[in-house]
């Protein structure tokens, strides 16, 4: 039997008009009512008539997500978190790989108002301006790590991340770290080569622990910064700097590659060399030893992103661009599969 909006309204105990307001993202509906209506929609399996809604409101109910690539586990996990959050809000998404091509980014942005109600762009390698993302067709940049004119932003706190890493080194008594993949800050899932230097954020954190950042070896990484690249970089660091007692890796993939090199050479982790990643990949729980990492909080990033996006769509957001910086945490894993935390 075909489920109608009337069936949803009856099931949720609300009026048909209330159901319509919820699916059209209209403002001034109580959160508990929205939750009840969405629960009824999910239980009954009702699919709103997107064409009719678009004609009434000018909204498609679809958000475009631009991401450099989906082969990188962290990026794929973040996209999954965004898709899940969108579904919970009764929205749909279209995932568009950009391959770091500015022209592809431009086409995604130009699709606002036709294919997409708004756009989410992931990553730091974006155009300097994403153009007019504060109006009826908003843009939210996730983990861009730099100001984007005309768009709201959601970032993980790289300053806090660097301080956590510095404190972890101090607690473990490590004074001779090397950095694999450093560039301007210490963000997660870096897909581009490192700049061959330590950024100001990580430098400041190391200074607080008594480590001179000028004496810290840095290994720029070729793209993509994955396990294979991490394994080679760790081997090169060990050959050039055998005194190193910690590897600070720009993402978990690089860290997992470094762990493989250390294991092949019989280096005790963390007894001889500690390894710290960034991204909190599930694979890190099952490495031997398990991997210590910074968790940027994918689900929290996704939830905040859609809070900003829907605020623009329902007209409740301020006129100025908003930038939200979310806390991170250090995950020191103790796994029965490994010998301890990396």
C-alpha atoms as a PDB file:
ATOM      1  CA  UNK A   1       0.000   0.000   0.000  1.00  0.00           C
ATOM      2  CA  UNK A   2       1.294   3.449  -0.881  1.00  0.00           C
ATOM      3  CA  UNK A   3       2.210   5.511   2.159  1.00  0.00           C
ATOM      4  CA  UNK A   4       1.112   9.149   2.047  1.00  0.00           C
ATOM      5  CA  UNK A   5       1.910  12.286   3.996  1.00  0.00           C
ATOM      6  CA  UNK A   6      -1.432  11.848   5.737  1.00  0.00           C
ATOM      7  CA  UNK A   7      -0.298   8.429   7.002  1.00  0.00           C
ATOM      8  CA  UNK A   8       2.901   9.963   8.377  1.00  0.00           C
ATOM      9  CA  UNK A   9       0.957  12.732  10.110  1.00  0.00           C
ATOM     10  CA  UNK A  10      -1.405  10.234  11.742  1.00  0.00           C
ATOM     11  CA  UNK A  11       1.472   7.998  12.848  1.00  0.00           C
ATOM     12  CA  UNK A  12       3.390  10.948  14.348  1.00  0.00           C
ATOM     13  CA  UNK A  13       0.305  12.522  15.911  1.00  0.00           C
ATOM     14  CA  UNK A  14       0.723  15.818  14.108  1.00  0.00           C
ATOM     15  CA  UNK A  15      -0.966  17.718  11.329  1.00  0.00           C
ATOM     16  CA  UNK A  16      -0.222  17.261   7.642  1.00  0.00           C
ATOM     17  CA  UNK A  17       1.035  20.839   7.616  1.00  0.00           C
ATOM     18  CA  UNK A  18       3.569  19.992  10.340  1.00  0.00           C
ATOM     19  CA  UNK A  19       4.892  17.043   8.309  1.00  0.00           C
ATOM     20  CA  UNK A  20       5.206  19.348   5.314  1.00  0.00           C
ATOM     21  CA  UNK A  21       7.127  21.897   7.359  1.00  0.00           C
ATOM     22  CA  UNK A  22       9.548  19.235   8.599  1.00  0.00           C
ATOM     23  CA  UNK A  23      10.328  17.741   5.179  1.00  0.00           C
ATOM     24  CA  UNK A  24      10.705  21.220   3.675  1.00  0.00           C
ATOM     25  CA  UNK A  25      13.090  22.317   6.446  1.00  0.00           C
ATOM     26  CA  UNK A  26      10.903  25.238   7.429  1.00  0.00           C
ATOM     27  CA  UNK A  27      11.905  27.034  10.651  1.00  0.00           C
ATOM     28  CA  UNK A  28      10.117  27.317  14.004  1.00  0.00           C
ATOM     29  CA  UNK A  29       9.290  23.644  14.485  1.00  0.00           C
ATOM     30  CA  UNK A  30      10.156  22.172  17.874  1.00  0.00           C
ATOM     31  CA  UNK A  31      13.082  19.703  17.802  1.00  0.00           C
ATOM     32  CA  UNK A  32      11.057  16.966  19.503  1.00  0.00           C
ATOM     33  CA  UNK A  33       8.338  17.297  16.836  1.00  0.00           C
ATOM     34  CA  UNK A  34      10.930  17.124  14.064  1.00  0.00           C
ATOM     35  CA  UNK A  35      12.393  13.997  15.647  1.00  0.00           C
ATOM     36  CA  UNK A  36       8.971  12.367  15.964  1.00  0.00           C
ATOM     37  CA  UNK A  37       8.026  13.125  12.360  1.00  0.00           C
ATOM     38  CA  UNK A  38      11.343  11.838  11.026  1.00  0.00           C
ATOM     39  CA  UNK A  39      10.994   8.679  13.088  1.00  0.00           C
ATOM     40  CA  UNK A  40       7.553   8.084  11.555  1.00  0.00           C
ATOM     41  CA  UNK A  41       8.915   8.730   8.061  1.00  0.00           C
ATOM     42  CA  UNK A  42      11.662   6.169   8.639  1.00  0.00           C
ATOM     43  CA  UNK A  43       9.312   3.582  10.173  1.00  0.00           C
ATOM     44  CA  UNK A  44       6.693   3.889   7.440  1.00  0.00           C
ATOM     45  CA  UNK A  45       9.238   4.172   4.643  1.00  0.00           C
ATOM     46  CA  UNK A  46       7.609   7.258   3.171  1.00  0.00           C
ATOM     47  CA  UNK A  47       9.538   9.049   0.440  1.00  0.00           C
ATOM     48  CA  UNK A  48       8.557  12.709  -0.062  1.00  0.00           C
ATOM     49  CA  UNK A  49       7.793  13.812  -3.581  1.00  0.00           C
ATOM     50  CA  UNK A  50      10.970  15.731  -4.281  1.00  0.00           C
ATOM     51  CA  UNK A  51       9.684  17.227  -7.517  1.00  0.00           C
ATOM     52  CA  UNK A  52       6.613  18.674  -5.862  1.00  0.00           C
ATOM     53  CA  UNK A  53       8.672  20.014  -2.972  1.00  0.00           C
ATOM     54  CA  UNK A  54      11.142  21.650  -5.343  1.00  0.00           C
ATOM     55  CA  UNK A  55       8.300  23.392  -7.157  1.00  0.00           C
ATOM     56  CA  UNK A  56       6.829  24.685  -3.871  1.00  0.00           C
ATOM     57  CA  UNK A  57       9.990  25.720  -2.083  1.00  0.00           C
ATOM     58  CA  UNK A  58      12.747  25.864  -4.649  1.00  0.00           C
ATOM     59  CA  UNK A  59      14.611  23.258  -2.585  1.00  0.00           C
ATOM     60  CA  UNK A  60      15.642  19.852  -3.850  1.00  0.00           C
ATOM     61  CA  UNK A  61      16.458  18.313  -0.465  1.00  0.00           C
ATOM     62  CA  UNK A  62      19.864  17.338  -1.872  1.00  0.00           C
ATOM     63  CA  UNK A  63      23.247  18.518  -0.639  1.00  0.00           C
ATOM     64  CA  UNK A  64      26.381  18.169  -2.750  1.00  0.00           C
ATOM     65  CA  UNK A  65      29.522  16.894  -1.024  1.00  0.00           C
ATOM     66  CA  UNK A  66      32.798  17.694  -2.755  1.00  0.00           C
ATOM     67  CA  UNK A  67      35.728  15.551  -1.648  1.00  0.00           C
ATOM     68  CA  UNK A  68      39.145  15.127  -3.218  1.00  0.00           C
ATOM     69  CA  UNK A  69      38.907  11.337  -3.405  1.00  0.00           C
ATOM     70  CA  UNK A  70      37.298   8.378  -1.691  1.00  0.00           C
ATOM     71  CA  UNK A  71      40.276   6.007  -1.727  1.00  0.00           C
ATOM     72  CA  UNK A  72      41.691   7.583   1.428  1.00  0.00           C
ATOM     73  CA  UNK A  73      40.094   5.838   4.414  1.00  0.00           C
ATOM     74  CA  UNK A  74      39.794   8.970   6.532  1.00  0.00           C
ATOM     75  CA  UNK A  75      38.038  10.923   3.783  1.00  0.00           C
ATOM     76  CA  UNK A  76      35.713   7.998   3.072  1.00  0.00           C
ATOM     77  CA  UNK A  77      34.861   7.785   6.774  1.00  0.00           C
ATOM     78  CA  UNK A  78      34.142  11.505   6.996  1.00  0.00           C
ATOM     79  CA  UNK A  79      31.884  11.329   3.934  1.00  0.00           C
ATOM     80  CA  UNK A  80      30.041   8.392   5.506  1.00  0.00           C
ATOM     81  CA  UNK A  81      29.499  10.438   8.677  1.00  0.00           C
ATOM     82  CA  UNK A  82      28.131  13.319   6.605  1.00  0.00           C
ATOM     83  CA  UNK A  83      25.793  11.010   4.670  1.00  0.00           C
ATOM     84  CA  UNK A  84      24.515   9.478   7.912  1.00  0.00           C
ATOM     85  CA  UNK A  85      23.887  12.913   9.416  1.00  0.00           C
ATOM     86  CA  UNK A  86      22.055  14.052   6.287  1.00  0.00           C
ATOM     87  CA  UNK A  87      19.837  10.959   6.339  1.00  0.00           C
ATOM     88  CA  UNK A  88      18.945  11.578   9.974  1.00  0.00           C
ATOM     89  CA  UNK A  89      17.751  15.027   8.959  1.00  0.00           C
ATOM     90  CA  UNK A  90      15.666  13.748   6.056  1.00  0.00           C
ATOM     91  CA  UNK A  91      18.102  15.064   3.448  1.00  0.00           C
ATOM     92  CA  UNK A  92      19.871  13.361   0.593  1.00  0.00           C
ATOM     93  CA  UNK A  93      23.424  13.846  -0.646  1.00  0.00           C
ATOM     94  CA  UNK A  94      25.329  13.552  -3.888  1.00  0.00           C
ATOM     95  CA  UNK A  95      29.024  12.809  -3.399  1.00  0.00           C
ATOM     96  CA  UNK A  96      31.221  14.398  -6.053  1.00  0.00           C
ATOM     97  CA  UNK A  97      34.964  13.521  -6.169  1.00  0.00           C
ATOM     98  CA  UNK A  98      36.914  16.636  -7.157  1.00  0.00           C
ATOM     99  CA  UNK A  99      40.299  14.979  -7.769  1.00  0.00           C
ATOM    100  CA  UNK A 100      41.694  18.307  -6.514  1.00  0.00           C
ATOM    101  CA  UNK A 101      40.668  19.909  -9.798  1.00  0.00           C
ATOM    102  CA  UNK A 102      39.538  23.554  -9.324  1.00  0.00           C
ATOM    103  CA  UNK A 103      37.258  23.230 -12.341  1.00  0.00           C
ATOM    104  CA  UNK A 104      35.404  20.330 -10.712  1.00  0.00           C
ATOM    105  CA  UNK A 105      35.025  22.376  -7.532  1.00  0.00           C
ATOM    106  CA  UNK A 106      33.660  25.265  -9.576  1.00  0.00           C
ATOM    107  CA  UNK A 107      31.066  23.037 -11.269  1.00  0.00           C
ATOM    108  CA  UNK A 108      29.873  21.699  -7.912  1.00  0.00           C
ATOM    109  CA  UNK A 109      29.453  25.238  -6.610  1.00  0.00           C
ATOM    110  CA  UNK A 110      27.604  26.303  -9.740  1.00  0.00           C
ATOM    111  CA  UNK A 111      25.141  23.431  -9.263  1.00  0.00           C
ATOM    112  CA  UNK A 112      23.700  25.174  -6.202  1.00  0.00           C
ATOM    113  CA  UNK A 113      20.135  26.181  -6.860  1.00  0.00           C
ATOM    114  CA  UNK A 114      19.748  23.622  -9.625  1.00  0.00           C
ATOM    115  CA  UNK A 115      20.909  20.239  -8.358  1.00  0.00           C
ATOM    116  CA  UNK A 116      21.898  21.115  -4.787  1.00  0.00           C
ATOM    117  CA  UNK A 117      20.390  23.201  -2.007  1.00  0.00           C
ATOM    118  CA  UNK A 118      23.880  23.648  -0.589  1.00  0.00           C
ATOM    119  CA  UNK A 119      27.395  22.261  -0.814  1.00  0.00           C
ATOM    120  CA  UNK A 120      29.853  20.780   1.656  1.00  0.00           C
ATOM    121  CA  UNK A 121      33.507  20.958   0.579  1.00  0.00           C
ATOM    122  CA  UNK A 122      36.081  18.826   2.382  1.00  0.00           C
ATOM    123  CA  UNK A 123      39.767  19.612   2.609  1.00  0.00           C
ATOM    124  CA  UNK A 124      42.402  22.294   2.630  1.00  0.00           C
ATOM    125  CA  UNK A 125      43.266  22.296  -1.072  1.00  0.00           C
ATOM    126  CA  UNK A 126      40.356  24.485  -2.203  1.00  0.00           C
ATOM    127  CA  UNK A 127      40.073  27.771  -4.122  1.00  0.00           C
ATOM    128  CA  UNK A 128      40.756  30.876  -2.046  1.00  0.00           C
ATOM    129  CA  UNK A 129      37.086  31.845  -2.236  1.00  0.00           C
ATOM    130  CA  UNK A 130      34.092  29.583  -2.620  1.00  0.00           C
ATOM    131  CA  UNK A 131      31.832  32.491  -3.556  1.00  0.00           C
ATOM    132  CA  UNK A 132      28.510  33.497  -2.096  1.00  0.00           C
ATOM    133  CA  UNK A 133      28.015  30.626   0.320  1.00  0.00           C
ATOM    134  CA  UNK A 134      26.206  32.681   2.944  1.00  0.00           C
ATOM    135  CA  UNK A 135      22.895  33.142   1.152  1.00  0.00           C
ATOM    136  CA  UNK A 136      20.090  30.829   0.134  1.00  0.00           C
ATOM    137  CA  UNK A 137      22.498  28.279  -1.377  1.00  0.00           C
ATOM    138  CA  UNK A 138      25.096  27.853   1.360  1.00  0.00           C
ATOM    139  CA  UNK A 139      28.581  26.367   1.379  1.00  0.00           C
ATOM    140  CA  UNK A 140      30.298  24.816   4.399  1.00  0.00           C
ATOM    141  CA  UNK A 141      34.020  23.998   4.253  1.00  0.00           C
ATOM    142  CA  UNK A 142      35.103  21.105   6.485  1.00  0.00           C
ATOM    143  CA  UNK A 143      38.717  20.835   7.666  1.00  0.00           C
ATOM    144  CA  UNK A 144      39.821  23.579   5.310  1.00  0.00           C
ATOM    145  CA  UNK A 145      42.248  24.892   7.951  1.00  0.00           C
ATOM    146  CA  UNK A 146      42.187  28.351   6.412  1.00  0.00           C
ATOM    147  CA  UNK A 147      39.715  31.156   5.939  1.00  0.00           C
ATOM    148  CA  UNK A 148      37.362  30.718   2.999  1.00  0.00           C
ATOM    149  CA  UNK A 149      35.656  33.914   1.872  1.00  0.00           C
ATOM    150  CA  UNK A 150      31.908  33.495   1.543  1.00  0.00           C
ATOM    151  CA  UNK A 151      31.511  30.209   3.415  1.00  0.00           C
ATOM    152  CA  UNK A 152      30.969  28.836   6.887  1.00  0.00           C
ATOM    153  CA  UNK A 153      33.742  26.579   8.218  1.00  0.00           C
ATOM    154  CA  UNK A 154      34.131  23.615  10.535  1.00  0.00           C
ATOM    155  CA  UNK A 155      37.617  22.619  11.653  1.00  0.00           C
ATOM    156  CA  UNK A 156      39.187  20.334  14.200  1.00  0.00           C
ATOM    157  CA  UNK A 157      41.376  22.144  16.711  1.00  0.00           C
ATOM    158  CA  UNK A 158      44.909  21.652  15.387  1.00  0.00           C
ATOM    159  CA  UNK A 159      46.353  23.794  18.171  1.00  0.00           C
ATOM    160  CA  UNK A 160      44.876  21.460  20.768  1.00  0.00           C
ATOM    161  CA  UNK A 161      46.048  18.472  18.729  1.00  0.00           C
ATOM    162  CA  UNK A 162      49.628  19.745  18.673  1.00  0.00           C
ATOM    163  CA  UNK A 163      49.583  20.409  22.416  1.00  0.00           C
ATOM    164  CA  UNK A 164      48.263  16.897  23.090  1.00  0.00           C
ATOM    165  CA  UNK A 165      51.063  15.462  20.978  1.00  0.00           C
ATOM    166  CA  UNK A 166      53.641  17.559  22.822  1.00  0.00           C
ATOM    167  CA  UNK A 167      52.355  16.452  26.216  1.00  0.00           C
ATOM    168  CA  UNK A 168      52.319  12.825  25.088  1.00  0.00           C
ATOM    169  CA  UNK A 169      55.965  13.068  24.054  1.00  0.00           C
ATOM    170  CA  UNK A 170      56.841  14.599  27.414  1.00  0.00           C
ATOM    171  CA  UNK A 171      54.996  11.886  29.367  1.00  0.00           C
ATOM    172  CA  UNK A 172      56.811   9.194  27.384  1.00  0.00           C
ATOM    173  CA  UNK A 173      60.155  10.952  27.846  1.00  0.00           C
ATOM    174  CA  UNK A 174      60.721  11.383  24.114  1.00  0.00           C
ATOM    175  CA  UNK A 175      63.058  14.198  23.097  1.00  0.00           C
ATOM    176  CA  UNK A 176      64.142  13.257  19.560  1.00  0.00           C
ATOM    177  CA  UNK A 177      61.020  13.148  17.369  1.00  0.00           C
ATOM    178  CA  UNK A 178      60.864  13.219  13.597  1.00  0.00           C
ATOM    179  CA  UNK A 179      57.900  14.449  11.592  1.00  0.00           C
ATOM    180  CA  UNK A 180      56.493  12.603   8.587  1.00  0.00           C
ATOM    181  CA  UNK A 181      54.504  14.888   6.345  1.00  0.00           C
ATOM    182  CA  UNK A 182      54.675  18.264   8.083  1.00  0.00           C
ATOM    183  CA  UNK A 183      53.178  21.369   6.560  1.00  0.00           C
ATOM    184  CA  UNK A 184      51.436  24.556   7.751  1.00  0.00           C
ATOM    185  CA  UNK A 185      49.726  22.936  10.715  1.00  0.00           C
ATOM    186  CA  UNK A 186      49.207  19.360  11.803  1.00  0.00           C
ATOM    187  CA  UNK A 187      45.809  18.528  10.322  1.00  0.00           C
ATOM    188  CA  UNK A 188      44.370  15.152   9.501  1.00  0.00           C
ATOM    189  CA  UNK A 189      44.154  13.266   6.236  1.00  0.00           C
ATOM    190  CA  UNK A 190      46.644  15.462   4.397  1.00  0.00           C
ATOM    191  CA  UNK A 191      46.519  14.349   0.761  1.00  0.00           C
ATOM    192  CA  UNK A 192      49.218  16.678  -0.545  1.00  0.00           C
ATOM    193  CA  UNK A 193      52.987  16.671  -0.117  1.00  0.00           C
ATOM    194  CA  UNK A 194      54.499  18.159   3.002  1.00  0.00           C
ATOM    195  CA  UNK A 195      56.254  21.496   2.913  1.00  0.00           C
ATOM    196  CA  UNK A 196      59.477  20.123   4.352  1.00  0.00           C
ATOM    197  CA  UNK A 197      59.178  22.121   7.545  1.00  0.00           C
ATOM    198  CA  UNK A 198      57.286  22.119  10.799  1.00  0.00           C
ATOM    199  CA  UNK A 199      54.374  24.518  10.933  1.00  0.00           C
ATOM    200  CA  UNK A 200      54.060  27.183  13.609  1.00  0.00           C
ATOM    201  CA  UNK A 201      51.432  25.258  15.568  1.00  0.00           C
ATOM    202  CA  UNK A 202      53.492  22.110  16.020  1.00  0.00           C
ATOM    203  CA  UNK A 203      56.698  24.123  16.548  1.00  0.00           C
ATOM    204  CA  UNK A 204      55.126  25.979  19.473  1.00  0.00           C
ATOM    205  CA  UNK A 205      53.936  22.735  21.030  1.00  0.00           C
ATOM    206  CA  UNK A 206      57.380  21.170  20.787  1.00  0.00           C
ATOM    207  CA  UNK A 207      59.010  24.226  22.358  1.00  0.00           C
ATOM    208  CA  UNK A 208      56.776  23.840  25.426  1.00  0.00           C
ATOM    209  CA  UNK A 209      58.187  20.342  25.923  1.00  0.00           C
ATOM    210  CA  UNK A 210      61.798  21.534  25.681  1.00  0.00           C
ATOM    211  CA  UNK A 211      62.333  20.285  22.131  1.00  0.00           C
ATOM    212  CA  UNK A 212      64.016  22.601  19.643  1.00  0.00           C
ATOM    213  CA  UNK A 213      61.886  22.384  16.472  1.00  0.00           C
ATOM    214  CA  UNK A 214      64.838  23.493  14.360  1.00  0.00           C
ATOM    215  CA  UNK A 215      66.566  20.213  15.236  1.00  0.00           C
ATOM    216  CA  UNK A 216      63.584  17.987  14.422  1.00  0.00           C
ATOM    217  CA  UNK A 217      63.989  16.029  11.162  1.00  0.00           C
ATOM    218  CA  UNK A 218      61.125  16.524   8.712  1.00  0.00           C
ATOM    219  CA  UNK A 219      60.244  14.188   5.871  1.00  0.00           C
ATOM    220  CA  UNK A 220      58.122  15.774   3.119  1.00  0.00           C
ATOM    221  CA  UNK A 221      55.781  13.176   1.637  1.00  0.00           C
ATOM    222  CA  UNK A 222      54.840  12.563  -1.955  1.00  0.00           C
ATOM    223  CA  UNK A 223      51.140  12.312  -2.740  1.00  0.00           C
ATOM    224  CA  UNK A 224      49.144  10.383  -1.811  1.00  0.00           C
ATOM    225  CA  UNK A 225      50.287  10.265   1.812  1.00  0.00           C
ATOM    226  CA  UNK A 226      49.379   6.613   2.339  1.00  0.00           C
ATOM    227  CA  UNK A 227      50.836   3.484   3.984  1.00  0.00           C
ATOM    228  CA  UNK A 228      53.390   2.842   1.243  1.00  0.00           C
ATOM    229  CA  UNK A 229      54.683   6.400   1.443  1.00  0.00           C
ATOM    230  CA  UNK A 230      54.744   6.214   5.249  1.00  0.00           C
ATOM    231  CA  UNK A 231      56.762   2.998   5.191  1.00  0.00           C
ATOM    232  CA  UNK A 232      59.363   4.507   2.851  1.00  0.00           C
ATOM    233  CA  UNK A 233      59.553   7.738   4.846  1.00  0.00           C
ATOM    234  CA  UNK A 234      60.096   5.851   8.111  1.00  0.00           C
ATOM    235  CA  UNK A 235      62.893   3.816   6.526  1.00  0.00           C
ATOM    236  CA  UNK A 236      64.584   6.968   5.276  1.00  0.00           C
ATOM    237  CA  UNK A 237      64.305   8.690   8.655  1.00  0.00           C
ATOM    238  CA  UNK A 238      65.819   5.687  10.433  1.00  0.00           C
ATOM    239  CA  UNK A 239      68.687   5.585   7.955  1.00  0.00           C
ATOM    240  CA  UNK A 240      69.463   9.295   8.271  1.00  0.00           C
ATOM    241  CA  UNK A 241      68.601   9.765  11.945  1.00  0.00           C
ATOM    242  CA  UNK A 242      68.993   6.506  13.886  1.00  0.00           C
ATOM    243  CA  UNK A 243      68.676   8.439  17.155  1.00  0.00           C
ATOM    244  CA  UNK A 244      64.983   9.236  16.534  1.00  0.00           C
ATOM    245  CA  UNK A 245      62.692   8.051  19.349  1.00  0.00           C
ATOM    246  CA  UNK A 246      59.274   9.180  18.051  1.00  0.00           C
ATOM    247  CA  UNK A 247      57.542   9.548  14.669  1.00  0.00           C
ATOM    248  CA  UNK A 248      54.815  12.183  14.367  1.00  0.00           C
ATOM    249  CA  UNK A 249      52.736  11.269  11.320  1.00  0.00           C
ATOM    250  CA  UNK A 250      50.434  13.579   9.410  1.00  0.00           C
ATOM    251  CA  UNK A 251      47.754  10.884   9.229  1.00  0.00           C
ATOM    252  CA  UNK A 252      47.044   7.341  10.358  1.00  0.00           C
ATOM    253  CA  UNK A 253      47.804   5.816   6.966  1.00  0.00           C
ATOM    254  CA  UNK A 254      51.343   7.171   7.103  1.00  0.00           C
ATOM    255  CA  UNK A 255      51.621   5.999  10.722  1.00  0.00           C
ATOM    256  CA  UNK A 256      50.509   2.468   9.835  1.00  0.00           C
ATOM    257  CA  UNK A 257      53.121   2.339   7.080  1.00  0.00           C
ATOM    258  CA  UNK A 258      55.735   3.536   9.567  1.00  0.00           C
ATOM    259  CA  UNK A 259      54.700   0.794  12.013  1.00  0.00           C
ATOM    260  CA  UNK A 260      55.236  -1.795   9.286  1.00  0.00           C
ATOM    261  CA  UNK A 261      58.777  -0.563   8.654  1.00  0.00           C
ATOM    262  CA  UNK A 262      59.606  -0.529  12.368  1.00  0.00           C
ATOM    263  CA  UNK A 263      58.241  -4.057  12.785  1.00  0.00           C
ATOM    264  CA  UNK A 264      60.259  -5.340   9.805  1.00  0.00           C
ATOM    265  CA  UNK A 265      63.417  -3.904  11.357  1.00  0.00           C
ATOM    266  CA  UNK A 266      62.712  -5.301  14.798  1.00  0.00           C
ATOM    267  CA  UNK A 267      62.314  -1.883  16.423  1.00  0.00           C
ATOM    268  CA  UNK A 268      60.243  -2.025  19.597  1.00  0.00           C
ATOM    269  CA  UNK A 269      57.163   0.209  19.540  1.00  0.00           C
ATOM    270  CA  UNK A 270      56.707   2.171  21.691  1.00  0.00           C
ATOM    271  CA  UNK A 271      59.781   1.116  23.698  1.00  0.00           C
ATOM    272  CA  UNK A 272      62.294   2.156  21.049  1.00  0.00           C
ATOM    273  CA  UNK A 273      60.290   4.471  18.834  1.00  0.00           C
ATOM    274  CA  UNK A 274      56.824   5.841  19.574  1.00  0.00           C
ATOM    275  CA  UNK A 275      54.435   6.447  16.673  1.00  0.00           C
ATOM    276  CA  UNK A 276      51.553   8.945  16.698  1.00  0.00           C
ATOM    277  CA  UNK A 277      49.021   9.266  13.888  1.00  0.00           C
ATOM    278  CA  UNK A 278      46.096  11.552  13.117  1.00  0.00           C
ATOM    279  CA  UNK A 279      42.579  10.540  12.085  1.00  0.00           C
ATOM    280  CA  UNK A 280      41.540   7.678  14.400  1.00  0.00           C
ATOM    281  CA  UNK A 281      41.173   5.051  11.671  1.00  0.00           C
ATOM    282  CA  UNK A 282      39.686   1.773  12.815  1.00  0.00           C
ATOM    283  CA  UNK A 283      42.695  -0.036  11.330  1.00  0.00           C
ATOM    284  CA  UNK A 284      44.773   1.477  14.111  1.00  0.00           C
ATOM    285  CA  UNK A 285      43.026  -0.727  16.651  1.00  0.00           C
ATOM    286  CA  UNK A 286      44.130  -3.860  14.824  1.00  0.00           C
ATOM    287  CA  UNK A 287      47.738  -3.015  14.051  1.00  0.00           C
ATOM    288  CA  UNK A 288      50.501  -4.653  16.086  1.00  0.00           C
ATOM    289  CA  UNK A 289      51.089  -2.726  18.234  1.00  0.00           C
ATOM    290  CA  UNK A 290      47.931  -0.673  18.161  1.00  0.00           C
ATOM    291  CA  UNK A 291      48.305   2.926  17.066  1.00  0.00           C
ATOM    292  CA  UNK A 292      48.133   6.043  19.211  1.00  0.00           C
ATOM    293  CA  UNK A 293      46.343   8.766  17.297  1.00  0.00           C
ATOM    294  CA  UNK A 294      44.511  12.073  17.409  1.00  0.00           C
ATOM    295  CA  UNK A 295      40.754  11.694  16.995  1.00  0.00           C
ATOM    296  CA  UNK A 296      39.242  14.724  15.206  1.00  0.00           C
ATOM    297  CA  UNK A 297      35.696  13.428  15.803  1.00  0.00           C
ATOM    298  CA  UNK A 298      34.151  12.681  12.417  1.00  0.00           C
ATOM    299  CA  UNK A 299      30.584  12.404  13.710  1.00  0.00           C
ATOM    300  CA  UNK A 300      30.858  15.714  15.567  1.00  0.00           C
ATOM    301  CA  UNK A 301      32.307  17.378  12.461  1.00  0.00           C
ATOM    302  CA  UNK A 302      29.384  16.047  10.397  1.00  0.00           C
ATOM    303  CA  UNK A 303      26.751  17.135  12.916  1.00  0.00           C
ATOM    304  CA  UNK A 304      28.163  20.657  13.179  1.00  0.00           C
ATOM    305  CA  UNK A 305      28.448  20.918   9.398  1.00  0.00           C
ATOM    306  CA  UNK A 306      24.752  20.222   8.914  1.00  0.00           C
ATOM    307  CA  UNK A 307      23.819  22.506  11.798  1.00  0.00           C
ATOM    308  CA  UNK A 308      25.547  25.325   9.924  1.00  0.00           C
ATOM    309  CA  UNK A 309      24.076  24.302   6.573  1.00  0.00           C
ATOM    310  CA  UNK A 310      20.478  23.989   7.753  1.00  0.00           C
ATOM    311  CA  UNK A 311      20.818  27.268   9.634  1.00  0.00           C
ATOM    312  CA  UNK A 312      21.475  28.937   6.307  1.00  0.00           C
ATOM    313  CA  UNK A 313      18.639  27.090   4.586  1.00  0.00           C
ATOM    314  CA  UNK A 314      16.041  27.974   7.211  1.00  0.00           C
ATOM    315  CA  UNK A 315      17.171  31.601   7.420  1.00  0.00           C
ATOM    316  CA  UNK A 316      18.251  31.559  11.064  1.00  0.00           C
ATOM    317  CA  UNK A 317      22.004  31.987  10.466  1.00  0.00           C
ATOM    318  CA  UNK A 318      23.721  35.361  10.915  1.00  0.00           C
ATOM    319  CA  UNK A 319      24.822  37.377   7.906  1.00  0.00           C
ATOM    320  CA  UNK A 320      28.528  36.904   8.618  1.00  0.00           C
ATOM    321  CA  UNK A 321      30.520  33.733   7.972  1.00  0.00           C
ATOM    322  CA  UNK A 322      30.776  31.394  10.925  1.00  0.00           C
ATOM    323  CA  UNK A 323      33.850  29.390  11.898  1.00  0.00           C
ATOM    324  CA  UNK A 324      33.494  26.548  14.394  1.00  0.00           C
ATOM    325  CA  UNK A 325      36.588  24.862  15.827  1.00  0.00           C
ATOM    326  CA  UNK A 326      35.876  21.540  17.501  1.00  0.00           C
ATOM    327  CA  UNK A 327      37.934  19.828  20.202  1.00  0.00           C
ATOM    328  CA  UNK A 328      40.027  16.750  19.500  1.00  0.00           C
ATOM    329  CA  UNK A 329      41.347  14.032  21.761  1.00  0.00           C
ATOM    330  CA  UNK A 330      44.373  11.807  21.997  1.00  0.00           C
ATOM    331  CA  UNK A 331      43.491   8.123  21.750  1.00  0.00           C
ATOM    332  CA  UNK A 332      46.151   5.988  23.342  1.00  0.00           C
ATOM    333  CA  UNK A 333      45.108   2.516  22.350  1.00  0.00           C
ATOM    334  CA  UNK A 334      45.720  -0.569  24.397  1.00  0.00           C
ATOM    335  CA  UNK A 335      44.838  -3.565  22.255  1.00  0.00           C
ATOM    336  CA  UNK A 336      45.038  -7.251  23.086  1.00  0.00           C
ATOM    337  CA  UNK A 337      46.169  -7.696  19.494  1.00  0.00           C
ATOM    338  CA  UNK A 338      49.306  -5.666  20.079  1.00  0.00           C
ATOM    339  CA  UNK A 339      51.957  -5.079  22.665  1.00  0.00           C
ATOM    340  CA  UNK A 340      50.733  -1.672  23.713  1.00  0.00           C
ATOM    341  CA  UNK A 341      50.093   1.807  22.445  1.00  0.00           C
ATOM    342  CA  UNK A 342      52.143   3.263  19.644  1.00  0.00           C
END
